[in-house]
Amino acid sequence: MIYDHNVNMNEYVSPTVHIQIRSENQNNTFQPEQYLKNKALENFKNQTENFKQESLIDIEKFTQKLVSMSRSTTAHRCARYVRIALQSAGARFSDHPVAASDWGSTLTEIGYKKIRPDFDNPQEGDIYIINRTSRHRYGHIAGFTGSQWVSDFRQRSYDVYKDPNVTYEYYRLNV
């Protein structure tokens, strides 16, 4: 800058101070980049934990989306349809399985709790999984809308597989 009178720039610009932190052990030097990475990772973990605790799934949005996408016959994409419905209802997950039978741990991560199957008294938002069978290697997953079980299609009942020894997992949202 050009001034027509003398100006002491130290009055306007603060001097820069360089601080070097030394420990008694010379091999243990402070690495600011590593410190910042560790701090960022710690903050991310804290935010993720807080997010998991705060994330709520709107059951009404879940069932509405599930019904709006469903068909009268199967498209063999039950896990995809349930995933999209869960995400539209507020569920957040970074990774998800492809096979319907592998969705149990993901459901528990987003707030569902595994309970004893309750097909006689289902509640809106309940989800069940049929585990793999010899004829169905991906299994099946469906959600209850309040009136019927829906996956990629509107089911007549929960027992869509007629295989012997079918096993179920049943999940209900922690409320």
C-alpha atoms as a PDB file:
ATOM      1  CA  MET A   1       0.000   0.000   0.000  1.00  0.00           C
ATOM      2  CA  ILE A   2       1.138   3.510  -0.651  1.00  0.00           C
ATOM      3  CA  TYR A   3       0.646   6.103   2.081  1.00  0.00           C
ATOM      4  CA  ASP A   4       1.511   9.784   2.019  1.00  0.00           C
ATOM      5  CA  HIS A   5       2.605   9.642   5.636  1.00  0.00           C
ATOM      6  CA  ASN A   6       4.561   7.167   7.763  1.00  0.00           C
ATOM      7  CA  VAL A   7       2.532   4.249   9.064  1.00  0.00           C
ATOM      8  CA  ASN A   8       3.674   1.614  11.512  1.00  0.00           C
ATOM      9  CA  MET A   9       2.218  -1.572   9.997  1.00  0.00           C
ATOM     10  CA  ASN A  10       2.669  -3.472  13.298  1.00  0.00           C
ATOM     11  CA  GLU A  11      -0.215  -1.418  14.656  1.00  0.00           C
ATOM     12  CA  TYR A  12      -2.511  -2.750  11.923  1.00  0.00           C
ATOM     13  CA  VAL A  13      -1.155  -6.226  11.227  1.00  0.00           C
ATOM     14  CA  SER A  14      -0.440  -8.518  14.118  1.00  0.00           C
ATOM     15  CA  PRO A  15       2.914 -10.229  14.029  1.00  0.00           C
ATOM     16  CA  THR A  16       2.956 -13.963  13.301  1.00  0.00           C
ATOM     17  CA  VAL A  17       4.026 -16.264  16.090  1.00  0.00           C
ATOM     18  CA  HIS A  18       5.400 -19.719  15.417  1.00  0.00           C
ATOM     19  CA  ILE A  19       5.122 -22.111  18.331  1.00  0.00           C
ATOM     20  CA  GLN A  20       7.009 -25.350  18.365  1.00  0.00           C
ATOM     21  CA  ILE A  21       6.049 -27.932  20.948  1.00  0.00           C
ATOM     22  CA  ARG A  22       8.846 -30.182  22.108  1.00  0.00           C
ATOM     23  CA  SER A  23       8.668 -33.117  24.400  1.00  0.00           C
ATOM     24  CA  GLU A  24      11.395 -34.536  26.573  1.00  0.00           C
ATOM     25  CA  ASN A  25      11.581 -37.490  24.224  1.00  0.00           C
ATOM     26  CA  GLN A  26      13.006 -36.172  20.951  1.00  0.00           C
ATOM     27  CA  ASN A  27      11.593 -39.156  19.027  1.00  0.00           C
ATOM     28  CA  ASN A  28       8.068 -38.157  20.044  1.00  0.00           C
ATOM     29  CA  THR A  29       7.534 -35.121  17.822  1.00  0.00           C
ATOM     30  CA  PHE A  30       4.189 -33.415  17.438  1.00  0.00           C
ATOM     31  CA  GLN A  31       2.616 -33.994  14.034  1.00  0.00           C
ATOM     32  CA  PRO A  32      -0.158 -31.457  13.416  1.00  0.00           C
ATOM     33  CA  GLU A  33      -1.527 -33.272  10.357  1.00  0.00           C
ATOM     34  CA  GLN A  34      -1.913 -36.517  12.278  1.00  0.00           C
ATOM     35  CA  TYR A  35      -3.434 -34.673  15.230  1.00  0.00           C
ATOM     36  CA  LEU A  36      -6.031 -33.035  12.971  1.00  0.00           C
ATOM     37  CA  LYS A  37      -6.877 -36.348  11.307  1.00  0.00           C
ATOM     38  CA  ASN A  38      -7.338 -38.036  14.678  1.00  0.00           C
ATOM     39  CA  LYS A  39      -9.472 -35.156  15.948  1.00  0.00           C
ATOM     40  CA  ALA A  40     -11.631 -35.243  12.796  1.00  0.00           C
ATOM     41  CA  LEU A  41     -12.101 -39.011  13.137  1.00  0.00           C
ATOM     42  CA  GLU A  42     -13.060 -38.619  16.797  1.00  0.00           C
ATOM     43  CA  ASN A  43     -15.598 -35.902  15.918  1.00  0.00           C
ATOM     44  CA  PHE A  44     -17.029 -38.064  13.135  1.00  0.00           C
ATOM     45  CA  LYS A  45     -17.468 -41.013  15.508  1.00  0.00           C
ATOM     46  CA  ASN A  46     -19.203 -38.784  18.060  1.00  0.00           C
ATOM     47  CA  GLN A  47     -21.512 -37.334  15.409  1.00  0.00           C
ATOM     48  CA  THR A  48     -22.298 -40.813  14.093  1.00  0.00           C
ATOM     49  CA  GLU A  49     -23.215 -42.029  17.576  1.00  0.00           C
ATOM     50  CA  ASN A  50     -25.367 -38.949  18.173  1.00  0.00           C
ATOM     51  CA  PHE A  51     -26.980 -39.381  14.757  1.00  0.00           C
ATOM     52  CA  LYS A  52     -27.823 -43.023  15.450  1.00  0.00           C
ATOM     53  CA  GLN A  53     -29.475 -42.006  18.680  1.00  0.00           C
ATOM     54  CA  GLU A  54     -31.369 -39.109  17.097  1.00  0.00           C
ATOM     55  CA  SER A  55     -32.445 -40.740  13.834  1.00  0.00           C
ATOM     56  CA  LEU A  56     -36.105 -41.597  13.906  1.00  0.00           C
ATOM     57  CA  ILE A  57     -38.015 -43.500  11.299  1.00  0.00           C
ATOM     58  CA  ASP A  58     -41.432 -42.163  10.386  1.00  0.00           C
ATOM     59  CA  ILE A  59     -43.497 -45.348  10.200  1.00  0.00           C
ATOM     60  CA  GLU A  60     -46.279 -43.657   8.244  1.00  0.00           C
ATOM     61  CA  LYS A  61     -43.847 -42.507   5.532  1.00  0.00           C
ATOM     62  CA  PHE A  62     -42.303 -45.987   5.477  1.00  0.00           C
ATOM     63  CA  THR A  63     -45.635 -47.718   4.878  1.00  0.00           C
ATOM     64  CA  GLN A  64     -46.844 -45.113   2.371  1.00  0.00           C
ATOM     65  CA  LYS A  65     -43.690 -45.441   0.272  1.00  0.00           C
ATOM     66  CA  LEU A  66     -43.793 -49.230   0.456  1.00  0.00           C
ATOM     67  CA  VAL A  67     -47.406 -49.324  -0.760  1.00  0.00           C
ATOM     68  CA  SER A  68     -46.842 -46.712  -3.480  1.00  0.00           C
ATOM     69  CA  MET A  69     -43.971 -48.702  -5.022  1.00  0.00           C
ATOM     70  CA  SER A  70     -45.440 -52.182  -4.641  1.00  0.00           C
ATOM     71  CA  ARG A  71     -46.889 -54.255  -7.443  1.00  0.00           C
ATOM     72  CA  SER A  72     -49.469 -56.997  -7.563  1.00  0.00           C
ATOM     73  CA  THR A  73     -46.825 -59.636  -8.363  1.00  0.00           C
ATOM     74  CA  THR A  74     -43.220 -59.977  -7.283  1.00  0.00           C
ATOM     75  CA  ALA A  75     -40.359 -58.238  -9.063  1.00  0.00           C
ATOM     76  CA  HIS A  76     -37.847 -60.281  -7.006  1.00  0.00           C
ATOM     77  CA  ARG A  77     -36.499 -57.028  -5.516  1.00  0.00           C
ATOM     78  CA  CYS A  78     -37.973 -57.119  -2.000  1.00  0.00           C
ATOM     79  CA  ALA A  79     -34.815 -55.886  -0.214  1.00  0.00           C
ATOM     80  CA  ARG A  80     -34.471 -52.954  -2.602  1.00  0.00           C
ATOM     81  CA  TYR A  81     -38.083 -51.848  -2.116  1.00  0.00           C
ATOM     82  CA  VAL A  82     -37.886 -52.118   1.672  1.00  0.00           C
ATOM     83  CA  ARG A  83     -34.558 -50.218   1.673  1.00  0.00           C
ATOM     84  CA  ILE A  84     -35.989 -47.363  -0.402  1.00  0.00           C
ATOM     85  CA  ALA A  85     -39.056 -47.168   1.847  1.00  0.00           C
ATOM     86  CA  LEU A  86     -36.867 -47.083   4.974  1.00  0.00           C
ATOM     87  CA  GLN A  87     -34.657 -44.349   3.524  1.00  0.00           C
ATOM     88  CA  SER A  88     -37.667 -42.260   2.523  1.00  0.00           C
ATOM     89  CA  ALA A  89     -38.900 -42.567   6.121  1.00  0.00           C
ATOM     90  CA  GLY A  90     -35.678 -41.183   7.570  1.00  0.00           C
ATOM     91  CA  ALA A  91     -33.455 -44.236   8.043  1.00  0.00           C
ATOM     92  CA  ARG A  92     -29.773 -43.540   7.449  1.00  0.00           C
ATOM     93  CA  PHE A  93     -27.179 -46.201   6.808  1.00  0.00           C
ATOM     94  CA  SER A  94     -23.909 -46.041   4.953  1.00  0.00           C
ATOM     95  CA  ASP A  95     -23.903 -49.602   3.716  1.00  0.00           C
ATOM     96  CA  HIS A  96     -26.562 -52.226   3.251  1.00  0.00           C
ATOM     97  CA  PRO A  97     -26.732 -55.872   2.222  1.00  0.00           C
ATOM     98  CA  VAL A  98     -28.102 -57.041  -1.097  1.00  0.00           C
ATOM     99  CA  ALA A  99     -29.725 -60.263   0.099  1.00  0.00           C
ATOM    100  CA  ALA A 100     -32.939 -59.882   2.080  1.00  0.00           C
ATOM    101  CA  SER A 101     -31.838 -62.559   4.539  1.00  0.00           C
ATOM    102  CA  ASP A 102     -28.807 -60.429   5.535  1.00  0.00           C
ATOM    103  CA  TRP A 103     -30.772 -57.336   6.610  1.00  0.00           C
ATOM    104  CA  GLY A 104     -31.079 -58.197  10.326  1.00  0.00           C
ATOM    105  CA  SER A 105     -27.997 -56.339  11.551  1.00  0.00           C
ATOM    106  CA  THR A 106     -28.812 -53.287   9.425  1.00  0.00           C
ATOM    107  CA  LEU A 107     -32.304 -53.131  10.911  1.00  0.00           C
ATOM    108  CA  THR A 108     -30.920 -53.239  14.453  1.00  0.00           C
ATOM    109  CA  GLU A 109     -28.451 -50.462  13.596  1.00  0.00           C
ATOM    110  CA  ILE A 110     -31.283 -48.124  12.581  1.00  0.00           C
ATOM    111  CA  GLY A 111     -33.417 -48.749  15.644  1.00  0.00           C
ATOM    112  CA  TYR A 112     -35.312 -51.985  15.085  1.00  0.00           C
ATOM    113  CA  LYS A 113     -35.263 -54.690  17.719  1.00  0.00           C
ATOM    114  CA  LYS A 114     -35.402 -58.405  16.977  1.00  0.00           C
ATOM    115  CA  ILE A 115     -38.376 -59.978  18.734  1.00  0.00           C
ATOM    116  CA  ARG A 116     -40.198 -63.306  18.716  1.00  0.00           C
ATOM    117  CA  PRO A 117     -42.334 -63.553  15.548  1.00  0.00           C
ATOM    118  CA  ASP A 118     -45.725 -61.957  16.152  1.00  0.00           C
ATOM    119  CA  PHE A 119     -47.648 -62.690  12.969  1.00  0.00           C
ATOM    120  CA  ASP A 120     -50.936 -62.911  14.887  1.00  0.00           C
ATOM    121  CA  ASN A 121     -50.574 -59.346  16.159  1.00  0.00           C
ATOM    122  CA  PRO A 122     -48.374 -57.356  13.751  1.00  0.00           C
ATOM    123  CA  GLN A 123     -47.917 -53.629  14.251  1.00  0.00           C
ATOM    124  CA  GLU A 124     -47.553 -51.024  11.547  1.00  0.00           C
ATOM    125  CA  GLY A 125     -43.870 -50.766  10.623  1.00  0.00           C
ATOM    126  CA  ASP A 126     -42.950 -54.321  11.673  1.00  0.00           C
ATOM    127  CA  ILE A 127     -40.515 -56.064   9.337  1.00  0.00           C
ATOM    128  CA  TYR A 128     -39.913 -59.777   8.934  1.00  0.00           C
ATOM    129  CA  ILE A 129     -37.163 -61.651   7.169  1.00  0.00           C
ATOM    130  CA  ILE A 130     -37.350 -65.145   5.730  1.00  0.00           C
ATOM    131  CA  ASN A 131     -33.910 -66.724   5.941  1.00  0.00           C
ATOM    132  CA  ARG A 132     -32.311 -68.442   2.959  1.00  0.00           C
ATOM    133  CA  THR A 133     -33.724 -71.766   1.882  1.00  0.00           C
ATOM    134  CA  SER A 134     -32.464 -74.313  -0.616  1.00  0.00           C
ATOM    135  CA  ARG A 135     -34.843 -72.886  -3.232  1.00  0.00           C
ATOM    136  CA  HIS A 136     -34.507 -69.191  -2.307  1.00  0.00           C
ATOM    137  CA  ARG A 137     -30.882 -68.199  -1.809  1.00  0.00           C
ATOM    138  CA  TYR A 138     -31.549 -64.499  -1.069  1.00  0.00           C
ATOM    139  CA  GLY A 139     -34.435 -64.966   1.344  1.00  0.00           C
ATOM    140  CA  HIS A 140     -37.264 -62.450   1.635  1.00  0.00           C
ATOM    141  CA  ILE A 141     -38.082 -59.257   3.544  1.00  0.00           C
ATOM    142  CA  ALA A 142     -41.389 -57.415   3.968  1.00  0.00           C
ATOM    143  CA  GLY A 143     -42.950 -54.668   6.064  1.00  0.00           C
ATOM    144  CA  PHE A 144     -46.392 -54.453   7.638  1.00  0.00           C
ATOM    145  CA  THR A 145     -48.477 -51.449   6.544  1.00  0.00           C
ATOM    146  CA  GLY A 146     -51.165 -51.761   9.179  1.00  0.00           C
ATOM    147  CA  SER A 147     -53.382 -53.895   6.966  1.00  0.00           C
ATOM    148  CA  GLN A 148     -51.103 -56.195   4.965  1.00  0.00           C
ATOM    149  CA  TRP A 149     -47.534 -57.357   4.434  1.00  0.00           C
ATOM    150  CA  VAL A 150     -45.813 -55.599   1.529  1.00  0.00           C
ATOM    151  CA  SER A 151     -42.402 -56.031  -0.053  1.00  0.00           C
ATOM    152  CA  ASP A 152     -41.978 -55.456  -3.765  1.00  0.00           C
ATOM    153  CA  PHE A 153     -45.534 -56.788  -4.051  1.00  0.00           C
ATOM    154  CA  ARG A 154     -48.690 -56.774  -1.944  1.00  0.00           C
ATOM    155  CA  GLN A 155     -48.703 -60.144  -0.189  1.00  0.00           C
ATOM    156  CA  ARG A 156     -51.785 -62.164   0.734  1.00  0.00           C
ATOM    157  CA  SER A 157     -50.079 -63.315   3.955  1.00  0.00           C
ATOM    158  CA  TYR A 158     -46.652 -63.514   5.541  1.00  0.00           C
ATOM    159  CA  ASP A 159     -45.972 -67.125   4.489  1.00  0.00           C
ATOM    160  CA  VAL A 160     -44.954 -66.549   0.887  1.00  0.00           C
ATOM    161  CA  TYR A 161     -42.504 -69.489   0.831  1.00  0.00           C
ATOM    162  CA  LYS A 162     -43.976 -72.961   0.921  1.00  0.00           C
ATOM    163  CA  ASP A 163     -40.586 -74.623   1.477  1.00  0.00           C
ATOM    164  CA  PRO A 164     -40.254 -76.963   4.457  1.00  0.00           C
ATOM    165  CA  ASN A 165     -38.311 -75.658   7.459  1.00  0.00           C
ATOM    166  CA  VAL A 166     -38.702 -71.952   6.656  1.00  0.00           C
ATOM    167  CA  THR A 167     -37.276 -69.780   9.449  1.00  0.00           C
ATOM    168  CA  TYR A 168     -38.267 -66.209  10.205  1.00  0.00           C
ATOM    169  CA  GLU A 169     -36.711 -63.211  11.933  1.00  0.00           C
ATOM    170  CA  TYR A 170     -39.098 -60.531  13.172  1.00  0.00           C
ATOM    171  CA  TYR A 171     -38.224 -56.897  13.908  1.00  0.00           C
ATOM    172  CA  ARG A 172     -40.121 -54.075  15.573  1.00  0.00           C
ATOM    173  CA  LEU A 173     -39.083 -50.454  15.778  1.00  0.00           C
ATOM    174  CA  ASN A 174     -37.979 -49.361  19.246  1.00  0.00           C
ATOM    175  CA  VAL A 175     -40.455 -46.700  20.229  1.00  0.00           C
END
